[in-house]
PDB file of N, CA and C in Angstrom:
ATOM      1  N   MET A   1      -0.879  71.533   3.975  1.00  0.00           N
ATOM      2  CA  MET A   1       0.130  70.844   5.161  1.00  0.00           C
ATOM      3  C   MET A   1       1.250  71.227   4.575  1.00  0.00           C
ATOM      4  N   PRO A   2       1.664  70.929   3.550  1.00  0.00           N
ATOM      5  CA  PRO A   2       2.737  70.888   2.968  1.00  0.00           C
ATOM      6  C   PRO A   2       3.521  72.099   3.214  1.00  0.00           C
ATOM      7  N   VAL A   3       2.950  73.570   2.765  1.00  0.00           N
ATOM      8  CA  VAL A   3       3.151  75.004   2.748  1.00  0.00           C
ATOM      9  C   VAL A   3       3.541  75.076   4.303  1.00  0.00           C
ATOM     10  N   GLN A   4       2.313  74.810   4.998  1.00  0.00           N
ATOM     11  CA  GLN A   4       2.954  75.001   6.535  1.00  0.00           C
ATOM     12  C   GLN A   4       4.294  74.527   7.312  1.00  0.00           C
ATOM     13  N   VAL A   5       4.736  72.599   6.752  1.00  0.00           N
ATOM     14  CA  VAL A   5       6.034  71.957   7.170  1.00  0.00           C
ATOM     15  C   VAL A   5       6.938  72.967   6.613  1.00  0.00           C
ATOM     16  N   ALA A   6       6.313  73.265   5.307  1.00  0.00           N
ATOM     17  CA  ALA A   6       7.403  73.656   4.725  1.00  0.00           C
ATOM     18  C   ALA A   6       7.974  75.446   5.595  1.00  0.00           C
ATOM     19  N   ILE A   7       7.509  75.988   5.775  1.00  0.00           N
ATOM     20  CA  ILE A   7       7.619  77.430   6.723  1.00  0.00           C
ATOM     21  C   ILE A   7       8.147  76.919   7.935  1.00  0.00           C
ATOM     22  N   ALA A   8       7.471  76.351   8.179  1.00  0.00           N
ATOM     23  CA  ALA A   8       8.073  75.714  10.249  1.00  0.00           C
ATOM     24  C   ALA A   8       8.728  75.315   9.657  1.00  0.00           C
ATOM     25  N   MET A   9       9.572  74.494   9.082  1.00  0.00           N
ATOM     26  CA  MET A   9      10.977  74.546   8.429  1.00  0.00           C
ATOM     27  C   MET A   9      11.983  75.230   8.259  1.00  0.00           C
ATOM     28  N   PHE A  10      11.539  76.261   7.571  1.00  0.00           N
ATOM     29  CA  PHE A  10      12.550  77.488   7.285  1.00  0.00           C
ATOM     30  C   PHE A  10      12.587  78.182   8.268  1.00  0.00           C
ATOM     31  N   LEU A  11      11.371  78.722   9.317  1.00  0.00           N
ATOM     32  CA  LEU A  11      12.005  79.018  10.444  1.00  0.00           C
ATOM     33  C   LEU A  11      12.985  78.735  11.648  1.00  0.00           C
ATOM     34  N   LEU A  12      12.325  77.389  11.540  1.00  0.00           N
ATOM     35  CA  LEU A  12      13.307  76.519  12.389  1.00  0.00           C
ATOM     36  C   LEU A  12      14.178  76.708  12.051  1.00  0.00           C
ATOM     37  N   TYR A  13      14.823  76.488  10.764  1.00  0.00           N
ATOM     38  CA  TYR A  13      16.324  76.794  10.110  1.00  0.00           C
ATOM     39  C   TYR A  13      17.017  77.752  10.549  1.00  0.00           C
ATOM     40  N   ASP A  14      15.757  78.905  10.316  1.00  0.00           N
ATOM     41  CA  ASP A  14      17.140  80.339  10.313  1.00  0.00           C
ATOM     42  C   ASP A  14      16.953  80.788  12.187  1.00  0.00           C
ATOM     43  N   SER A  15      16.212  80.304  13.208  1.00  0.00           N
ATOM     44  CA  SER A  15      16.343  79.814  14.054  1.00  0.00           C
ATOM     45  C   SER A  15      17.242  79.283  14.642  1.00  0.00           C
ATOM     46  N   LEU A  16      17.792  77.662  14.623  1.00  0.00           N
ATOM     47  CA  LEU A  16      18.302  76.712  14.585  1.00  0.00           C
ATOM     48  C   LEU A  16      19.987  76.197  13.854  1.00  0.00           C
ATOM     49  N   GLY A  17      19.627  76.909  12.535  1.00  0.00           N
ATOM     50  CA  GLY A  17      20.838  76.536  11.406  1.00  0.00           C
ATOM     51  C   GLY A  17      20.905  75.132  11.475  1.00  0.00           C
ATOM     52  N   ALA A  18      21.525  74.772  10.991  1.00  0.00           N
ATOM     53  CA  ALA A  18      21.889  72.994   9.948  1.00  0.00           C
ATOM     54  C   ALA A  18      21.091  72.108  11.150  1.00  0.00           C
ATOM     55  N   ALA A  19      21.105  71.959  12.913  1.00  0.00           N
ATOM     56  CA  ALA A  19      20.865  71.122  13.143  1.00  0.00           C
ATOM     57  C   ALA A  19      19.212  70.743  12.919  1.00  0.00           C
ATOM     58  N   VAL A  20      18.725  71.848  11.568  1.00  0.00           N
ATOM     59  CA  VAL A  20      17.082  71.251  12.075  1.00  0.00           C
ATOM     60  C   VAL A  20      17.395  70.451  11.046  1.00  0.00           C
ATOM     61  N   ILE A  21      18.423  70.153   9.491  1.00  0.00           N
ATOM     62  CA  ILE A  21      18.465  69.442   8.515  1.00  0.00           C
ATOM     63  C   ILE A  21      18.868  68.391   9.780  1.00  0.00           C
ATOM     64  N   THR A  22      20.041  68.272   9.981  1.00  0.00           N
ATOM     65  CA  THR A  22      20.611  67.008  10.261  1.00  0.00           C
ATOM     66  C   THR A  22      18.948  65.667  11.731  1.00  0.00           C
ATOM     67  N   SER A  23      18.082  66.792  12.478  1.00  0.00           N
ATOM     68  CA  SER A  23      17.148  66.263  12.406  1.00  0.00           C
ATOM     69  C   SER A  23      16.467  65.572  11.429  1.00  0.00           C
ATOM     70  N   VAL A  24      16.083  66.443  10.418  1.00  0.00           N
ATOM     71  CA  VAL A  24      14.782  66.507   9.657  1.00  0.00           C
ATOM     72  C   VAL A  24      15.462  64.705   9.198  1.00  0.00           C
ATOM     73  N   VAL A  25      16.515  64.285   8.605  1.00  0.00           N
ATOM     74  CA  VAL A  25      17.602  63.412   8.587  1.00  0.00           C
ATOM     75  C   VAL A  25      17.397  62.288   9.160  1.00  0.00           C
ATOM     76  N   GLY A  26      17.524  62.299  10.511  1.00  0.00           N
ATOM     77  CA  GLY A  26      17.420  61.470  11.604  1.00  0.00           C
ATOM     78  C   GLY A  26      15.903  61.167  11.787  1.00  0.00           C
ATOM     79  N   ILE A  27      15.224  61.958  11.450  1.00  0.00           N
ATOM     80  CA  ILE A  27      13.485  61.841  11.722  1.00  0.00           C
ATOM     81  C   ILE A  27      13.027  60.384  10.047  1.00  0.00           C
ATOM     82  N   MET A  28      13.687  60.759   9.401  1.00  0.00           N
ATOM     83  CA  MET A  28      13.238  60.041   8.383  1.00  0.00           C
ATOM     84  C   MET A  28      13.690  59.035   7.720  1.00  0.00           C
ATOM     85  N   CYS A  29      14.940  58.650   8.465  1.00  0.00           N
ATOM     86  CA  CYS A  29      15.175  57.585   9.072  1.00  0.00           C
ATOM     87  C   CYS A  29      14.865  56.474  10.038  1.00  0.00           C
ATOM     88  N   VAL A  30      14.716  57.040  11.177  1.00  0.00           N
ATOM     89  CA  VAL A  30      13.447  56.560  11.594  1.00  0.00           C
ATOM     90  C   VAL A  30      12.181  56.110  11.650  1.00  0.00           C
ATOM     91  N   LEU A  31      11.694  56.943  10.438  1.00  0.00           N
ATOM     92  CA  LEU A  31      10.151  56.367   9.918  1.00  0.00           C
ATOM     93  C   LEU A  31      10.166  55.601   8.558  1.00  0.00           C
ATOM     94  N   VAL A  32      11.361  55.790   8.165  1.00  0.00           N
ATOM     95  CA  VAL A  32      11.656  54.492   7.236  1.00  0.00           C
ATOM     96  C   VAL A  32      12.124  53.089   7.904  1.00  0.00           C
ATOM     97  N   PHE A  33      12.946  52.198   9.356  1.00  0.00           N
ATOM     98  CA  PHE A  33      13.151  51.567  10.142  1.00  0.00           C
ATOM     99  C   PHE A  33      11.394  51.481  10.828  1.00  0.00           C
ATOM    100  N   VAL A  34      10.893  52.259  11.020  1.00  0.00           N
ATOM    101  CA  VAL A  34       9.437  51.787  11.822  1.00  0.00           C
ATOM    102  C   VAL A  34       8.307  51.389  10.730  1.00  0.00           C
ATOM    103  N   VAL A  35       8.626  51.837   9.382  1.00  0.00           N
ATOM    104  CA  VAL A  35       7.511  51.322   8.441  1.00  0.00           C
ATOM    105  C   VAL A  35       7.928  50.088   7.835  1.00  0.00           C
ATOM    106  N   LEU A  36       9.333  49.660   8.079  1.00  0.00           N
ATOM    107  CA  LEU A  36       9.421  48.488   7.274  1.00  0.00           C
ATOM    108  C   LEU A  36       9.210  47.688   8.170  1.00  0.00           C
ATOM    109  N   GLY A  37       9.571  47.995   9.785  1.00  0.00           N
ATOM    110  CA  GLY A  37       9.267  46.622  10.954  1.00  0.00           C
ATOM    111  C   GLY A  37       7.533  46.647  10.786  1.00  0.00           C
ATOM    112  N   THR A  38       6.697  47.537  10.844  1.00  0.00           N
ATOM    113  CA  THR A  38       5.208  47.402  10.802  1.00  0.00           C
ATOM    114  C   THR A  38       5.023  46.508   9.844  1.00  0.00           C
ATOM    115  N   ARG A  39       5.253  46.905   8.552  1.00  0.00           N
ATOM    116  CA  ARG A  39       5.534  45.587   6.958  1.00  0.00           C
ATOM    117  C   ARG A  39       6.006  43.999   7.581  1.00  0.00           C
ATOM    118  N   ARG A  40       6.504  44.237   8.457  1.00  0.00           N
ATOM    119  CA  ARG A  40       7.171  42.844   8.684  1.00  0.00           C
ATOM    120  C   ARG A  40       5.963  41.912   9.970  1.00  0.00           C
ATOM    121  N   ASN A  41       5.817  43.140  10.420  1.00  0.00           N
ATOM    122  CA  ASN A  41       5.238  42.697  11.796  1.00  0.00           C
ATOM    123  C   ASN A  41       3.433  41.994  11.047  1.00  0.00           C
ATOM    124  N   LYS A  42       2.579  43.000  10.141  1.00  0.00           N
ATOM    125  CA  LYS A  42       1.696  42.615   9.582  1.00  0.00           C
ATOM    126  C   LYS A  42       1.650  41.008   8.574  1.00  0.00           C
ATOM    127  N   ARG A  43       3.341  41.237   8.224  1.00  0.00           N
ATOM    128  CA  ARG A  43       3.225  40.123   7.258  1.00  0.00           C
ATOM    129  C   ARG A  43       3.015  38.536   8.646  1.00  0.00           C
ATOM    130  N   PHE A  44       3.866  39.074   9.545  1.00  0.00           N
ATOM    131  CA  PHE A  44       4.329  37.761  10.475  1.00  0.00           C
ATOM    132  C   PHE A  44       2.506  37.521  10.958  1.00  0.00           C
ATOM    133  N   GLN A  45       2.259  38.531  11.561  1.00  0.00           N
ATOM    134  CA  GLN A  45       0.465  38.778  12.011  1.00  0.00           C
ATOM    135  C   GLN A  45      -0.371  37.384  11.114  1.00  0.00           C
ATOM    136  N   SER A  46       0.052  38.392   9.608  1.00  0.00           N
ATOM    137  CA  SER A  46      -0.870  37.457   8.879  1.00  0.00           C
ATOM    138  C   SER A  46      -0.794  36.153   8.129  1.00  0.00           C
ATOM    139  N   SER A  47       0.511  35.733   8.814  1.00  0.00           N
ATOM    140  CA  SER A  47       0.508  33.943   8.830  1.00  0.00           C
ATOM    141  C   SER A  47       0.018  33.675  10.035  1.00  0.00           C
ATOM    142  N   VAL A  48       0.241  33.862  11.341  1.00  0.00           N
ATOM    143  CA  VAL A  48      -0.279  33.525  12.715  1.00  0.00           C
ATOM    144  C   VAL A  48      -1.033  33.388  12.379  1.00  0.00           C
ATOM    145  N   MET A  49      -1.987  34.244  12.118  1.00  0.00           N
ATOM    146  CA  MET A  49      -3.657  34.406  12.031  1.00  0.00           C
ATOM    147  C   MET A  49      -4.279  33.218  10.635  1.00  0.00           C
ATOM    148  N   LYS A  50      -3.929  32.694  10.121  1.00  0.00           N
ATOM    149  CA  LYS A  50      -3.971  31.868   8.679  1.00  0.00           C
ATOM    150  C   LYS A  50      -4.079  30.449   9.302  1.00  0.00           C
ATOM    151  N   CYS A  51      -3.242  30.269  10.323  1.00  0.00           N
ATOM    152  CA  CYS A  51      -2.654  29.432  11.114  1.00  0.00           C
ATOM    153  C   CYS A  51      -3.455  28.637  12.053  1.00  0.00           C
ATOM    154  N   ARG A  52      -3.751  29.761  13.165  1.00  0.00           N
ATOM    155  CA  ARG A  52      -4.872  30.178  14.003  1.00  0.00           C
ATOM    156  C   ARG A  52      -6.136  29.661  13.596  1.00  0.00           C
ATOM    157  N   ASP A  53      -6.343  30.571  12.474  1.00  0.00           N
ATOM    158  CA  ASP A  53      -7.910  29.906  11.623  1.00  0.00           C
ATOM    159  C   ASP A  53      -7.531  28.875  11.409  1.00  0.00           C
ATOM    160  N   SER A  54      -7.094  27.604  10.621  1.00  0.00           N
ATOM    161  CA  SER A  54      -7.236  26.747  10.400  1.00  0.00           C
ATOM    162  C   SER A  54      -7.047  25.527  11.926  1.00  0.00           C
ATOM    163  N   ARG A  55      -6.164  25.858  12.852  1.00  0.00           N
ATOM    164  CA  ARG A  55      -6.285  25.365  13.731  1.00  0.00           C
ATOM    165  C   ARG A  55      -8.147  25.000  14.483  1.00  0.00           C
ATOM    166  N   MET A  56      -8.249  26.202  14.318  1.00  0.00           N
ATOM    167  CA  MET A  56      -9.711  26.512  15.426  1.00  0.00           C
ATOM    168  C   MET A  56     -10.755  26.276  14.456  1.00  0.00           C
ATOM    169  N   LYS A  57     -10.774  26.108  12.941  1.00  0.00           N
ATOM    170  CA  LYS A  57     -11.943  25.019  12.065  1.00  0.00           C
ATOM    171  C   LYS A  57     -11.956  24.035  12.551  1.00  0.00           C
ATOM    172  N   ALA A  58     -10.314  23.937  12.758  1.00  0.00           N
ATOM    173  CA  ALA A  58     -10.392  22.239  13.255  1.00  0.00           C
ATOM    174  C   ALA A  58     -11.076  21.379  13.913  1.00  0.00           C
ATOM    175  N   THR A  59     -10.754  22.355  15.185  1.00  0.00           N
ATOM    176  CA  THR A  59     -11.315  22.238  16.388  1.00  0.00           C
ATOM    177  C   THR A  59     -13.000  22.540  16.439  1.00  0.00           C
ATOM    178  N   ASN A  60     -12.900  23.432  15.860  1.00  0.00           N
ATOM    179  CA  ASN A  60     -14.804  23.671  16.212  1.00  0.00           C
ATOM    180  C   ASN A  60     -15.691  22.534  15.277  1.00  0.00           C
ATOM    181  N   ASP A  61     -14.875  22.211  13.907  1.00  0.00           N
ATOM    182  CA  ASP A  61     -15.363  20.782  13.890  1.00  0.00           C
ATOM    183  C   ASP A  61     -15.482  19.514  14.076  1.00  0.00           C
ATOM    184  N   MET A  62     -14.428  19.501  15.407  1.00  0.00           N
ATOM    185  CA  MET A  62     -14.720  18.537  15.848  1.00  0.00           C
ATOM    186  C   MET A  62     -15.399  18.510  17.241  1.00  0.00           C
ATOM    187  N   LEU A  63     -15.806  19.808  17.533  1.00  0.00           N
ATOM    188  CA  LEU A  63     -16.649  20.133  18.723  1.00  0.00           C
ATOM    189  C   LEU A  63     -18.270  20.239  18.498  1.00  0.00           C
ATOM    190  N   ASN A  64     -18.038  20.103  16.750  1.00  0.00           N
ATOM    191  CA  ASN A  64     -19.524  20.425  16.627  1.00  0.00           C
ATOM    192  C   ASN A  64     -19.951  18.971  16.123  1.00  0.00           C
ATOM    193  N   TYR A  65     -19.343  17.992  15.485  1.00  0.00           N
ATOM    194  CA  TYR A  65     -19.858  17.145  15.105  1.00  0.00           C
ATOM    195  C   TYR A  65     -18.976  15.681  16.556  1.00  0.00           C
ATOM    196  N   MET A  66     -19.018  16.263  17.584  1.00  0.00           N
ATOM    197  CA  MET A  66     -18.105  14.938  18.902  1.00  0.00           C
ATOM    198  C   MET A  66     -19.790  13.787  18.693  1.00  0.00           C
ATOM    199  N   HIS A  67     -20.886  13.717  18.276  1.00  0.00           N
ATOM    200  CA  HIS A  67     -21.144  12.775  18.608  1.00  0.00           C
ATOM    201  C   HIS A  67     -21.301  11.813  17.558  1.00  0.00           C
ATOM    202  N   VAL A  68     -20.427  11.918  16.122  1.00  0.00           N
ATOM    203  CA  VAL A  68     -20.795  11.212  15.003  1.00  0.00           C
ATOM    204  C   VAL A  68     -18.998  10.804  15.620  1.00  0.00           C
ATOM    205  N   ILE A  69     -18.471  11.332  15.465  1.00  0.00           N
ATOM    206  CA  ILE A  69     -17.232  11.332  16.327  1.00  0.00           C
ATOM    207  C   ILE A  69     -16.904  10.291  17.421  1.00  0.00           C
ATOM    208  N   LYS A  70     -17.876  10.071  18.743  1.00  0.00           N
ATOM    209  CA  LYS A  70     -18.249   9.569  19.067  1.00  0.00           C
ATOM    210  C   LYS A  70     -19.034   8.054  18.788  1.00  0.00           C
ATOM    211  N   PHE A  71     -19.956   8.034  17.843  1.00  0.00           N
ATOM    212  CA  PHE A  71     -20.554   7.120  17.589  1.00  0.00           C
ATOM    213  C   PHE A  71     -19.772   6.266  16.255  1.00  0.00           C
ATOM    214  N   GLN A  72     -18.722   7.108  15.808  1.00  0.00           N
ATOM    215  CA  GLN A  72     -18.226   5.839  14.772  1.00  0.00           C
ATOM    216  C   GLN A  72     -16.497   5.688  15.217  1.00  0.00           C
ATOM    217  N   ALA A  73     -16.502   6.569  15.980  1.00  0.00           N
ATOM    218  CA  ALA A  73     -15.242   5.295  17.179  1.00  0.00           C
ATOM    219  C   ALA A  73     -13.775   6.680  16.593  1.00  0.00           C
ATOM    220  N   TRP A  74     -14.062   7.867  15.864  1.00  0.00           N
ATOM    221  CA  TRP A  74     -12.606   8.229  14.734  1.00  0.00           C
ATOM    222  C   TRP A  74     -12.291   9.542  16.411  1.00  0.00           C
ATOM    223  N   GLU A  75     -12.189   8.916  16.871  1.00  0.00           N
ATOM    224  CA  GLU A  75     -11.572  10.129  18.308  1.00  0.00           C
ATOM    225  C   GLU A  75      -9.900   9.989  17.633  1.00  0.00           C
ATOM    226  N   GLU A  76      -9.268   8.987  17.562  1.00  0.00           N
ATOM    227  CA  GLU A  76      -7.631   8.939  17.368  1.00  0.00           C
ATOM    228  C   GLU A  76      -7.412  10.123  15.995  1.00  0.00           C
ATOM    229  N   HIS A  77      -7.959   9.501  14.946  1.00  0.00           N
ATOM    230  CA  HIS A  77      -8.222  10.300  13.852  1.00  0.00           C
ATOM    231  C   HIS A  77      -8.609  11.741  13.399  1.00  0.00           C
ATOM    232  N   PHE A  78      -9.444  12.169  14.091  1.00  0.00           N
ATOM    233  CA  PHE A  78      -9.528  13.987  14.983  1.00  0.00           C
ATOM    234  C   PHE A  78      -8.766  14.091  15.123  1.00  0.00           C
ATOM    235  N   ASN A  79      -7.751  13.779  16.415  1.00  0.00           N
ATOM    236  CA  ASN A  79      -7.409  14.215  17.257  1.00  0.00           C
ATOM    237  C   ASN A  79      -5.552  13.988  17.163  1.00  0.00           C
ATOM    238  N   LYS A  80      -5.471  13.514  16.005  1.00  0.00           N
ATOM    239  CA  LYS A  80      -4.108  13.173  15.100  1.00  0.00           C
ATOM    240  C   LYS A  80      -4.008  14.870  14.197  1.00  0.00           C
ATOM    241  N   ARG A  81      -5.301  15.099  13.410  1.00  0.00           N
ATOM    242  CA  ARG A  81      -5.567  16.118  12.257  1.00  0.00           C
ATOM    243  C   ARG A  81      -5.198  17.427  13.500  1.00  0.00           C
ATOM    244  N   ILE A  82      -5.573  17.727  14.966  1.00  0.00           N
ATOM    245  CA  ILE A  82      -5.445  18.375  15.723  1.00  0.00           C
ATOM    246  C   ILE A  82      -4.219  18.606  16.171  1.00  0.00           C
ATOM    247  N   GLN A  83      -3.689  16.919  15.860  1.00  0.00           N
ATOM    248  CA  GLN A  83      -2.140  17.485  17.155  1.00  0.00           C
ATOM    249  C   GLN A  83      -1.163  18.478  15.748  1.00  0.00           C
ATOM    250  N   ALA A  84      -1.718  17.432  14.527  1.00  0.00           N
ATOM    251  CA  ALA A  84      -0.753  18.026  13.422  1.00  0.00           C
ATOM    252  C   ALA A  84      -0.868  19.853  13.440  1.00  0.00           C
ATOM    253  N   PHE A  85      -1.949  20.383  13.298  1.00  0.00           N
ATOM    254  CA  PHE A  85      -2.758  21.822  12.955  1.00  0.00           C
ATOM    255  C   PHE A  85      -1.522  22.300  14.050  1.00  0.00           C
ATOM    256  N   ARG A  86      -0.848  21.554  15.647  1.00  0.00           N
ATOM    257  CA  ARG A  86      -0.582  22.768  16.384  1.00  0.00           C
ATOM    258  C   ARG A  86       0.445  22.317  16.571  1.00  0.00           C
TER     259      ARG A  86
END
């Protein structure tokens, strides 16, 4: 593949001249920008998912143990915990 790209670049340079070099540099700049943005987005999504997982775990625990919570009158305690996750 690198040989094919090199041959294609040579043929384009032969046909179009220095505009090929400028366009390749522009494409590389955009590629770097996209890669950095994707990495930042991945970190953000990871942190959002961690927060969401902890909130969902607390909600699922509350729903699974609702009868114990109601029996022991712990509604306020668990409500405060879930509100803290939000």
